[in-house]
Amino acid sequence: MKIGLIGAGRMGFTLGRHLSDFAKSHAEMLCVEGFYSRNQESAREAARFTGTKYYEDMETLVQACDTIFLTVPDGQIANVAEEIAASSVCLDGKTMIHTSGALSSRIFSGMGSRVSGYSIHPIYAVNSKTDSYIHFQDCYMTIEGEGTKTQELICLFEKMGHTIRQISADQKAKYHASAVFASNLVIGLYKMGTTILSECGFTPEEAEHALMPLFANNAENMEHFGCEKALTGPVSRGDVATVEKHLQALDGDAREVYRLLSKQLCNADSQAIQTILDMKE
């Protein structure tokens, strides 16, 4: 498998380094040829970071590879795919893969049956060009597509240490929303928590520092023990009076978020709290 990457942002750097490091000891399985990007300096930097080549034009990279990863922003995937389809390169037998969580492989439908089209998405927060690859092998991945290379790609990523699950194109948007709940929206909740604490006289910086150990310890407990056993707080102990005080102290969006998320924590033994939370006002 000869792999090329189009796009040299955080995902391109991370996936490219992950693949190229694996290729060093598994040359019989794959070779990472290199990068193309409209930002030439980023492509050069990515090639240096991964020990691969820099390509000055996209067609040359596509011609040199049998498997192409589009590691560009979601809004650019369709345009890049159309540009490749309109090029003079023979695409017969090639595999096209994008790394969007929300978009499906149907974005490659304009290329017809001559290519195998997939979306492969890591459930992982890629926040750095140069550091995110370090623990990337630990992430869960999903693959979606109906080409001829499905099992080969699944076997590759399993060999690299990933658990990889196949999903359908119709599930992509909801699947990606689930990841947003567990990632981006958690940060939104943390931000809301620091704002509320600031209303108690803490500076924004103090609020962040005060809540961070609680946040980190909770995440660690969820990882080691699961959500149910990690749960603490008034809902878990059936503390109706405290929940009532919280609802009285909060208003607006904060009160509604507290109410809705607390309902998610209720079980069959939380009927008294459930009744309070069902009262919107």
C-alpha atoms as a PDB file:
ATOM      1  CA  MET A   1       0.000   0.000   0.000  1.00  0.00           C
ATOM      2  CA  LYS A   2       1.527   3.310  -1.118  1.00  0.00           C
ATOM      3  CA  ILE A   3      -0.013   6.145   0.862  1.00  0.00           C
ATOM      4  CA  GLY A   4      -0.122   9.845   0.064  1.00  0.00           C
ATOM      5  CA  LEU A   5      -1.673  12.616   2.139  1.00  0.00           C
ATOM      6  CA  ILE A   6      -3.353  15.740   0.801  1.00  0.00           C
ATOM      7  CA  GLY A   7      -3.482  18.360   3.533  1.00  0.00           C
ATOM      8  CA  ALA A   8      -0.790  19.237   6.067  1.00  0.00           C
ATOM      9  CA  GLY A   9      -2.644  20.461   9.118  1.00  0.00           C
ATOM     10  CA  ARG A  10      -2.888  18.834  12.530  1.00  0.00           C
ATOM     11  CA  MET A  11      -4.589  15.678  11.256  1.00  0.00           C
ATOM     12  CA  GLY A  12      -2.188  15.344   8.328  1.00  0.00           C
ATOM     13  CA  PHE A  13       0.854  15.669  10.569  1.00  0.00           C
ATOM     14  CA  THR A  14      -0.533  13.272  13.172  1.00  0.00           C
ATOM     15  CA  LEU A  15      -1.820  10.555  10.843  1.00  0.00           C
ATOM     16  CA  GLY A  16       1.208  10.885   8.570  1.00  0.00           C
ATOM     17  CA  ARG A  17       3.636  10.422  11.462  1.00  0.00           C
ATOM     18  CA  HIS A  18       1.591   7.534  12.853  1.00  0.00           C
ATOM     19  CA  LEU A  19       1.595   5.744   9.501  1.00  0.00           C
ATOM     20  CA  SER A  20       5.223   6.482   8.679  1.00  0.00           C
ATOM     21  CA  ASP A  21       6.442   5.283  12.087  1.00  0.00           C
ATOM     22  CA  PHE A  22       4.524   2.032  11.609  1.00  0.00           C
ATOM     23  CA  ALA A  23       5.890   1.652   8.083  1.00  0.00           C
ATOM     24  CA  LYS A  24       9.471   1.611   9.389  1.00  0.00           C
ATOM     25  CA  SER A  25       8.946  -1.870  10.809  1.00  0.00           C
ATOM     26  CA  HIS A  26       6.235  -3.023   8.402  1.00  0.00           C
ATOM     27  CA  ALA A  27       7.571  -2.069   4.999  1.00  0.00           C
ATOM     28  CA  GLU A  28       5.890  -5.125   3.517  1.00  0.00           C
ATOM     29  CA  MET A  29       2.472  -3.632   4.384  1.00  0.00           C
ATOM     30  CA  LEU A  30       2.780   0.044   3.506  1.00  0.00           C
ATOM     31  CA  CYS A  31       4.934   2.940   2.462  1.00  0.00           C
ATOM     32  CA  VAL A  32       4.073   6.583   3.117  1.00  0.00           C
ATOM     33  CA  GLU A  33       5.114   8.473  -0.014  1.00  0.00           C
ATOM     34  CA  GLY A  34       4.499  12.010   1.229  1.00  0.00           C
ATOM     35  CA  PHE A  35       2.398  15.162   1.273  1.00  0.00           C
ATOM     36  CA  TYR A  36       0.791  17.719  -0.954  1.00  0.00           C
ATOM     37  CA  SER A  37      -0.800  20.915   0.344  1.00  0.00           C
ATOM     38  CA  ARG A  38      -1.775  24.229  -1.182  1.00  0.00           C
ATOM     39  CA  ASN A  39       0.328  25.660   1.627  1.00  0.00           C
ATOM     40  CA  GLN A  40       3.679  24.480   0.297  1.00  0.00           C
ATOM     41  CA  GLU A  41       5.635  25.286   3.438  1.00  0.00           C
ATOM     42  CA  SER A  42       3.235  23.201   5.551  1.00  0.00           C
ATOM     43  CA  ALA A  43       3.682  20.266   3.167  1.00  0.00           C
ATOM     44  CA  ARG A  44       7.466  20.597   3.353  1.00  0.00           C
ATOM     45  CA  GLU A  45       7.279  20.742   7.148  1.00  0.00           C
ATOM     46  CA  ALA A  46       5.022  17.662   7.252  1.00  0.00           C
ATOM     47  CA  ALA A  47       7.399  15.763   4.969  1.00  0.00           C
ATOM     48  CA  ARG A  48      10.345  16.590   7.238  1.00  0.00           C
ATOM     49  CA  PHE A  49       8.348  15.627  10.340  1.00  0.00           C
ATOM     50  CA  THR A  50       7.405  12.240   8.889  1.00  0.00           C
ATOM     51  CA  GLY A  51      10.588  11.488   6.929  1.00  0.00           C
ATOM     52  CA  THR A  52       8.677  11.419   3.644  1.00  0.00           C
ATOM     53  CA  LYS A  53       8.512  13.447   0.430  1.00  0.00           C
ATOM     54  CA  TYR A  54       7.031  16.809  -0.451  1.00  0.00           C
ATOM     55  CA  TYR A  55       5.038  16.973  -3.697  1.00  0.00           C
ATOM     56  CA  GLU A  56       4.732  20.242  -5.586  1.00  0.00           C
ATOM     57  CA  ASP A  57       1.495  19.260  -7.331  1.00  0.00           C
ATOM     58  CA  MET A  58      -1.434  17.063  -6.350  1.00  0.00           C
ATOM     59  CA  GLU A  59      -1.609  15.045  -9.557  1.00  0.00           C
ATOM     60  CA  THR A  60       1.934  13.750  -9.152  1.00  0.00           C
ATOM     61  CA  LEU A  61       1.191  12.558  -5.617  1.00  0.00           C
ATOM     62  CA  VAL A  62      -2.065  10.869  -6.658  1.00  0.00           C
ATOM     63  CA  GLN A  63      -0.282   9.180  -9.556  1.00  0.00           C
ATOM     64  CA  ALA A  64       2.464   7.865  -7.254  1.00  0.00           C
ATOM     65  CA  CYS A  65       0.102   6.351  -4.661  1.00  0.00           C
ATOM     66  CA  ASP A  66      -2.636   3.749  -4.576  1.00  0.00           C
ATOM     67  CA  THR A  67      -4.167   5.064  -1.333  1.00  0.00           C
ATOM     68  CA  ILE A  68      -4.866   8.764  -0.785  1.00  0.00           C
ATOM     69  CA  PHE A  69      -5.850  10.309   2.548  1.00  0.00           C
ATOM     70  CA  LEU A  70      -7.598  13.687   2.340  1.00  0.00           C
ATOM     71  CA  THR A  71      -6.648  15.312   5.642  1.00  0.00           C
ATOM     72  CA  VAL A  72      -8.138  18.672   4.728  1.00  0.00           C
ATOM     73  CA  PRO A  73     -10.940  20.590   6.546  1.00  0.00           C
ATOM     74  CA  ASP A  74     -14.434  19.203   5.995  1.00  0.00           C
ATOM     75  CA  GLY A  75     -15.443  22.140   3.826  1.00  0.00           C
ATOM     76  CA  GLN A  76     -12.629  21.413   1.371  1.00  0.00           C
ATOM     77  CA  ILE A  77     -13.089  17.643   0.929  1.00  0.00           C
ATOM     78  CA  ALA A  78     -15.682  17.828  -1.861  1.00  0.00           C
ATOM     79  CA  ASN A  79     -13.659  20.386  -3.829  1.00  0.00           C
ATOM     80  CA  VAL A  80     -10.454  18.356  -3.554  1.00  0.00           C
ATOM     81  CA  ALA A  81     -12.283  15.172  -4.562  1.00  0.00           C
ATOM     82  CA  GLU A  82     -13.769  16.935  -7.597  1.00  0.00           C
ATOM     83  CA  GLU A  83     -10.351  18.281  -8.544  1.00  0.00           C
ATOM     84  CA  ILE A  84      -8.845  14.795  -8.382  1.00  0.00           C
ATOM     85  CA  ALA A  85     -11.745  13.334 -10.403  1.00  0.00           C
ATOM     86  CA  ALA A  86     -11.259  15.989 -13.108  1.00  0.00           C
ATOM     87  CA  SER A  87      -7.496  15.464 -13.330  1.00  0.00           C
ATOM     88  CA  SER A  88      -5.693  13.463 -15.993  1.00  0.00           C
ATOM     89  CA  VAL A  89      -4.569  10.815 -13.500  1.00  0.00           C
ATOM     90  CA  CYS A  90      -5.896   7.284 -13.977  1.00  0.00           C
ATOM     91  CA  LEU A  91      -7.840   6.526 -10.782  1.00  0.00           C
ATOM     92  CA  ASP A  92      -8.696   2.904 -11.543  1.00  0.00           C
ATOM     93  CA  GLY A  93      -8.099   0.746  -8.458  1.00  0.00           C
ATOM     94  CA  LYS A  94      -7.145   3.617  -6.182  1.00  0.00           C
ATOM     95  CA  THR A  95      -8.499   4.088  -2.659  1.00  0.00           C
ATOM     96  CA  MET A  96      -9.688   7.512  -1.516  1.00  0.00           C
ATOM     97  CA  ILE A  97     -10.103   8.167   2.202  1.00  0.00           C
ATOM     98  CA  HIS A  98     -11.106  11.282   4.115  1.00  0.00           C
ATOM     99  CA  THR A  99     -10.862  11.706   7.882  1.00  0.00           C
ATOM    100  CA  SER A 100     -14.037  13.707   8.588  1.00  0.00           C
ATOM    101  CA  GLY A 101     -16.210  12.501  11.441  1.00  0.00           C
ATOM    102  CA  ALA A 102     -19.423  14.005  10.060  1.00  0.00           C
ATOM    103  CA  LEU A 103     -19.135  13.409   6.289  1.00  0.00           C
ATOM    104  CA  SER A 104     -19.567  10.025   4.646  1.00  0.00           C
ATOM    105  CA  SER A 105     -17.723   8.293   1.815  1.00  0.00           C
ATOM    106  CA  ARG A 106     -20.551   9.310  -0.532  1.00  0.00           C
ATOM    107  CA  ILE A 107     -18.553  12.447  -1.152  1.00  0.00           C
ATOM    108  CA  PHE A 108     -16.419  10.319  -3.496  1.00  0.00           C
ATOM    109  CA  SER A 109     -19.425   9.119  -5.517  1.00  0.00           C
ATOM    110  CA  GLY A 110     -18.443  11.338  -8.451  1.00  0.00           C
ATOM    111  CA  MET A 111     -15.436   9.104  -9.023  1.00  0.00           C
ATOM    112  CA  GLY A 112     -17.684   6.116  -9.703  1.00  0.00           C
ATOM    113  CA  SER A 113     -16.772   2.469  -9.221  1.00  0.00           C
ATOM    114  CA  ARG A 114     -13.181   2.964 -10.352  1.00  0.00           C
ATOM    115  CA  VAL A 115     -12.149   3.930  -6.797  1.00  0.00           C
ATOM    116  CA  SER A 116     -12.827   2.547  -3.341  1.00  0.00           C
ATOM    117  CA  GLY A 117     -14.056   5.428  -1.200  1.00  0.00           C
ATOM    118  CA  TYR A 118     -13.963   5.519   2.607  1.00  0.00           C
ATOM    119  CA  SER A 119     -14.161   7.764   5.613  1.00  0.00           C
ATOM    120  CA  ILE A 120     -11.859   6.746   8.466  1.00  0.00           C
ATOM    121  CA  HIS A 121     -12.200   8.794  11.635  1.00  0.00           C
ATOM    122  CA  PRO A 122     -10.198   8.626  14.876  1.00  0.00           C
ATOM    123  CA  ILE A 123     -12.152   9.303  18.062  1.00  0.00           C
ATOM    124  CA  TYR A 124      -9.346  11.479  19.348  1.00  0.00           C
ATOM    125  CA  ALA A 125      -8.674  15.141  20.055  1.00  0.00           C
ATOM    126  CA  VAL A 126      -5.953  16.140  17.574  1.00  0.00           C
ATOM    127  CA  ASN A 127      -4.905  19.518  18.973  1.00  0.00           C
ATOM    128  CA  SER A 128      -1.243  19.643  17.978  1.00  0.00           C
ATOM    129  CA  LYS A 129       0.718  19.133  14.788  1.00  0.00           C
ATOM    130  CA  THR A 130       3.770  17.773  16.536  1.00  0.00           C
ATOM    131  CA  ASP A 131       2.552  16.093  19.740  1.00  0.00           C
ATOM    132  CA  SER A 132      -0.818  14.450  19.032  1.00  0.00           C
ATOM    133  CA  TYR A 133       0.781  11.428  17.333  1.00  0.00           C
ATOM    134  CA  ILE A 134       2.404  10.307  20.614  1.00  0.00           C
ATOM    135  CA  HIS A 135      -0.713   8.612  22.010  1.00  0.00           C
ATOM    136  CA  PHE A 136      -2.598   8.317  18.727  1.00  0.00           C
ATOM    137  CA  GLN A 137      -2.196   4.521  18.674  1.00  0.00           C
ATOM    138  CA  ASP A 138      -4.543   4.313  21.680  1.00  0.00           C
ATOM    139  CA  CYS A 139      -7.572   5.810  19.941  1.00  0.00           C
ATOM    140  CA  TYR A 140     -10.698   3.994  18.773  1.00  0.00           C
ATOM    141  CA  MET A 141     -11.408   4.414  15.048  1.00  0.00           C
ATOM    142  CA  THR A 142     -14.386   4.029  12.743  1.00  0.00           C
ATOM    143  CA  ILE A 143     -14.467   3.148   9.061  1.00  0.00           C
ATOM    144  CA  GLU A 144     -17.338   3.754   6.664  1.00  0.00           C
ATOM    145  CA  GLY A 145     -17.510   2.853   2.985  1.00  0.00           C
ATOM    146  CA  GLU A 146     -18.367   0.021   0.638  1.00  0.00           C
ATOM    147  CA  GLY A 147     -15.246  -0.358  -1.477  1.00  0.00           C
ATOM    148  CA  THR A 148     -13.126  -3.445  -2.064  1.00  0.00           C
ATOM    149  CA  LYS A 149     -10.448  -2.521   0.497  1.00  0.00           C
ATOM    150  CA  THR A 150     -12.520  -2.674   3.675  1.00  0.00           C
ATOM    151  CA  GLN A 151     -10.931  -5.709   5.276  1.00  0.00           C
ATOM    152  CA  GLU A 152      -7.427  -4.668   4.213  1.00  0.00           C
ATOM    153  CA  LEU A 153      -7.865  -1.268   5.883  1.00  0.00           C
ATOM    154  CA  ILE A 154      -9.416  -2.775   9.010  1.00  0.00           C
ATOM    155  CA  CYS A 155      -6.537  -5.241   9.298  1.00  0.00           C
ATOM    156  CA  LEU A 156      -3.994  -2.442   8.835  1.00  0.00           C
ATOM    157  CA  PHE A 157      -5.363  -0.278  11.625  1.00  0.00           C
ATOM    158  CA  GLU A 158      -5.848  -3.259  13.917  1.00  0.00           C
ATOM    159  CA  LYS A 159      -2.214  -4.173  13.293  1.00  0.00           C
ATOM    160  CA  MET A 160      -1.333  -0.621  14.313  1.00  0.00           C
ATOM    161  CA  GLY A 161      -3.036  -1.189  17.671  1.00  0.00           C
ATOM    162  CA  HIS A 162      -6.460   0.350  17.083  1.00  0.00           C
ATOM    163  CA  THR A 163      -9.915  -0.967  17.759  1.00  0.00           C
ATOM    164  CA  ILE A 164     -11.791  -0.126  14.564  1.00  0.00           C
ATOM    165  CA  ARG A 165     -15.555  -0.345  14.082  1.00  0.00           C
ATOM    166  CA  GLN A 166     -17.430  -0.283  10.778  1.00  0.00           C
ATOM    167  CA  ILE A 167     -20.445   2.054  10.603  1.00  0.00           C
ATOM    168  CA  SER A 168     -22.886   3.063   7.863  1.00  0.00           C
ATOM    169  CA  ALA A 169     -23.009   6.327   5.932  1.00  0.00           C
ATOM    170  CA  ASP A 170     -26.416   7.150   7.435  1.00  0.00           C
ATOM    171  CA  GLN A 171     -24.926   6.969  10.948  1.00  0.00           C
ATOM    172  CA  LYS A 172     -22.097   9.445  10.381  1.00  0.00           C
ATOM    173  CA  ALA A 173     -23.751  12.675  11.568  1.00  0.00           C
ATOM    174  CA  LYS A 174     -25.178  11.123  14.748  1.00  0.00           C
ATOM    175  CA  TYR A 175     -21.902   9.275  15.379  1.00  0.00           C
ATOM    176  CA  HIS A 176     -19.944  12.520  15.140  1.00  0.00           C
ATOM    177  CA  ALA A 177     -22.433  14.308  17.391  1.00  0.00           C
ATOM    178  CA  SER A 178     -21.764  11.675  20.063  1.00  0.00           C
ATOM    179  CA  ALA A 179     -18.057  12.498  19.927  1.00  0.00           C
ATOM    180  CA  VAL A 180     -18.847  16.208  20.241  1.00  0.00           C
ATOM    181  CA  PHE A 181     -20.881  15.490  23.387  1.00  0.00           C
ATOM    182  CA  ALA A 182     -17.947  13.648  24.961  1.00  0.00           C
ATOM    183  CA  SER A 183     -15.321  16.163  23.846  1.00  0.00           C
ATOM    184  CA  ASN A 184     -16.192  19.707  22.744  1.00  0.00           C
ATOM    185  CA  LEU A 185     -19.344  20.042  24.815  1.00  0.00           C
ATOM    186  CA  VAL A 186     -17.527  18.842  27.920  1.00  0.00           C
ATOM    187  CA  ILE A 187     -15.255  21.852  27.497  1.00  0.00           C
ATOM    188  CA  GLY A 188     -18.384  23.988  27.167  1.00  0.00           C
ATOM    189  CA  LEU A 189     -19.668  22.597  30.456  1.00  0.00           C
ATOM    190  CA  TYR A 190     -16.338  23.290  32.118  1.00  0.00           C
ATOM    191  CA  LYS A 191     -16.442  26.846  30.822  1.00  0.00           C
ATOM    192  CA  MET A 192     -19.966  27.232  32.201  1.00  0.00           C
ATOM    193  CA  GLY A 193     -18.758  25.908  35.560  1.00  0.00           C
ATOM    194  CA  THR A 194     -15.922  28.438  35.730  1.00  0.00           C
ATOM    195  CA  THR A 195     -18.342  31.251  34.865  1.00  0.00           C
ATOM    196  CA  ILE A 196     -20.651  30.255  37.720  1.00  0.00           C
ATOM    197  CA  LEU A 197     -17.683  30.054  40.108  1.00  0.00           C
ATOM    198  CA  SER A 198     -16.590  33.529  38.974  1.00  0.00           C
ATOM    199  CA  GLU A 199     -19.983  34.783  40.150  1.00  0.00           C
ATOM    200  CA  CYS A 200     -18.934  33.626  43.642  1.00  0.00           C
ATOM    201  CA  GLY A 201     -15.968  36.004  43.736  1.00  0.00           C
ATOM    202  CA  PHE A 202     -13.286  33.908  42.011  1.00  0.00           C
ATOM    203  CA  THR A 203     -11.291  35.433  39.178  1.00  0.00           C
ATOM    204  CA  PRO A 204     -11.589  33.515  35.870  1.00  0.00           C
ATOM    205  CA  GLU A 205      -8.039  32.209  36.364  1.00  0.00           C
ATOM    206  CA  GLU A 206      -8.750  31.092  39.929  1.00  0.00           C
ATOM    207  CA  ALA A 207     -11.951  29.392  38.797  1.00  0.00           C
ATOM    208  CA  GLU A 208     -10.117  27.383  36.132  1.00  0.00           C
ATOM    209  CA  HIS A 209      -7.391  26.304  38.552  1.00  0.00           C
ATOM    210  CA  ALA A 210      -9.894  25.453  41.292  1.00  0.00           C
ATOM    211  CA  LEU A 211     -12.048  23.174  39.131  1.00  0.00           C
ATOM    212  CA  MET A 212      -9.296  21.500  37.092  1.00  0.00           C
ATOM    213  CA  PRO A 213      -8.317  18.807  39.656  1.00  0.00           C
ATOM    214  CA  LEU A 214     -11.997  17.869  40.024  1.00  0.00           C
ATOM    215  CA  PHE A 215     -12.396  17.679  36.256  1.00  0.00           C
ATOM    216  CA  ALA A 216      -9.209  15.655  35.727  1.00  0.00           C
ATOM    217  CA  ASN A 217      -9.924  13.233  38.578  1.00  0.00           C
ATOM    218  CA  ASN A 218     -13.436  12.638  37.292  1.00  0.00           C
ATOM    219  CA  ALA A 219     -12.129  11.865  33.783  1.00  0.00           C
ATOM    220  CA  GLU A 220      -9.568   9.471  35.236  1.00  0.00           C
ATOM    221  CA  ASN A 221     -12.229   7.708  37.305  1.00  0.00           C
ATOM    222  CA  MET A 222     -14.457   7.305  34.245  1.00  0.00           C
ATOM    223  CA  GLU A 223     -11.556   5.793  32.323  1.00  0.00           C
ATOM    224  CA  HIS A 224     -10.723   3.286  35.062  1.00  0.00           C
ATOM    225  CA  PHE A 225     -14.125   2.479  36.553  1.00  0.00           C
ATOM    226  CA  GLY A 226     -16.756   3.471  33.974  1.00  0.00           C
ATOM    227  CA  CYS A 227     -19.375   6.212  34.135  1.00  0.00           C
ATOM    228  CA  GLU A 228     -21.694   4.605  36.671  1.00  0.00           C
ATOM    229  CA  LYS A 229     -19.035   3.896  39.288  1.00  0.00           C
ATOM    230  CA  ALA A 230     -17.314   7.244  38.726  1.00  0.00           C
ATOM    231  CA  LEU A 231     -20.464   9.232  39.480  1.00  0.00           C
ATOM    232  CA  THR A 232     -20.477  11.324  42.644  1.00  0.00           C
ATOM    233  CA  GLY A 233     -22.554  14.312  43.756  1.00  0.00           C
ATOM    234  CA  PRO A 234     -26.126  14.953  44.921  1.00  0.00           C
ATOM    235  CA  VAL A 235     -27.960  12.929  42.254  1.00  0.00           C
ATOM    236  CA  SER A 236     -25.864   9.822  42.934  1.00  0.00           C
ATOM    237  CA  ARG A 237     -26.646   9.969  46.661  1.00  0.00           C
ATOM    238  CA  GLY A 238     -30.299  10.944  46.305  1.00  0.00           C
ATOM    239  CA  ASP A 239     -29.801  14.354  47.896  1.00  0.00           C
ATOM    240  CA  VAL A 240     -33.079  16.047  46.978  1.00  0.00           C
ATOM    241  CA  ALA A 241     -32.501  19.124  49.160  1.00  0.00           C
ATOM    242  CA  THR A 242     -29.175  19.963  47.511  1.00  0.00           C
ATOM    243  CA  VAL A 243     -30.570  19.554  44.009  1.00  0.00           C
ATOM    244  CA  GLU A 244     -33.407  21.924  44.937  1.00  0.00           C
ATOM    245  CA  LYS A 245     -30.918  24.502  46.270  1.00  0.00           C
ATOM    246  CA  HIS A 246     -28.869  24.275  43.059  1.00  0.00           C
ATOM    247  CA  LEU A 247     -31.943  24.860  40.915  1.00  0.00           C
ATOM    248  CA  GLN A 248     -32.903  27.861  43.032  1.00  0.00           C
ATOM    249  CA  ALA A 249     -29.403  29.342  42.768  1.00  0.00           C
ATOM    250  CA  LEU A 250     -29.194  29.015  38.985  1.00  0.00           C
ATOM    251  CA  ASP A 251     -31.129  30.674  36.206  1.00  0.00           C
ATOM    252  CA  GLY A 252     -31.247  30.873  32.426  1.00  0.00           C
ATOM    253  CA  ASP A 253     -29.139  28.485  30.371  1.00  0.00           C
ATOM    254  CA  ALA A 254     -27.153  27.291  33.382  1.00  0.00           C
ATOM    255  CA  ARG A 255     -30.300  26.131  35.167  1.00  0.00           C
ATOM    256  CA  GLU A 256     -31.634  24.367  32.085  1.00  0.00           C
ATOM    257  CA  VAL A 257     -28.318  22.620  31.389  1.00  0.00           C
ATOM    258  CA  TYR A 258     -28.118  21.514  35.026  1.00  0.00           C
ATOM    259  CA  ARG A 259     -31.670  20.175  34.850  1.00  0.00           C
ATOM    260  CA  LEU A 260     -31.285  18.295  31.576  1.00  0.00           C
ATOM    261  CA  LEU A 261     -27.927  16.715  32.386  1.00  0.00           C
ATOM    262  CA  SER A 262     -28.959  15.769  35.905  1.00  0.00           C
ATOM    263  CA  LYS A 263     -31.893  13.871  34.373  1.00  0.00           C
ATOM    264  CA  GLN A 264     -29.350  11.800  32.449  1.00  0.00           C
ATOM    265  CA  LEU A 265     -27.799  10.757  35.761  1.00  0.00           C
ATOM    266  CA  CYS A 266     -31.039   9.584  37.353  1.00  0.00           C
ATOM    267  CA  ASN A 267     -31.861   5.905  37.724  1.00  0.00           C
ATOM    268  CA  ALA A 268     -34.807   3.933  39.070  1.00  0.00           C
ATOM    269  CA  ASP A 269     -33.893   4.949  42.624  1.00  0.00           C
ATOM    270  CA  SER A 270     -33.899   8.676  41.812  1.00  0.00           C
ATOM    271  CA  GLN A 271     -37.634   9.178  41.444  1.00  0.00           C
ATOM    272  CA  ALA A 272     -37.827  12.066  43.941  1.00  0.00           C
ATOM    273  CA  ILE A 273     -35.044  13.967  42.172  1.00  0.00           C
ATOM    274  CA  GLN A 274     -36.510  13.107  38.774  1.00  0.00           C
ATOM    275  CA  THR A 275     -39.789  14.739  39.825  1.00  0.00           C
ATOM    276  CA  ILE A 276     -38.014  17.965  40.803  1.00  0.00           C
ATOM    277  CA  LEU A 277     -36.011  18.035  37.565  1.00  0.00           C
ATOM    278  CA  ASP A 278     -39.128  17.576  35.486  1.00  0.00           C
ATOM    279  CA  MET A 279     -40.435  20.869  36.869  1.00  0.00           C
ATOM    280  CA  LYS A 280     -39.010  23.424  34.426  1.00  0.00           C
ATOM    281  CA  GLU A 281     -39.876  26.420  36.538  1.00  0.00           C
END
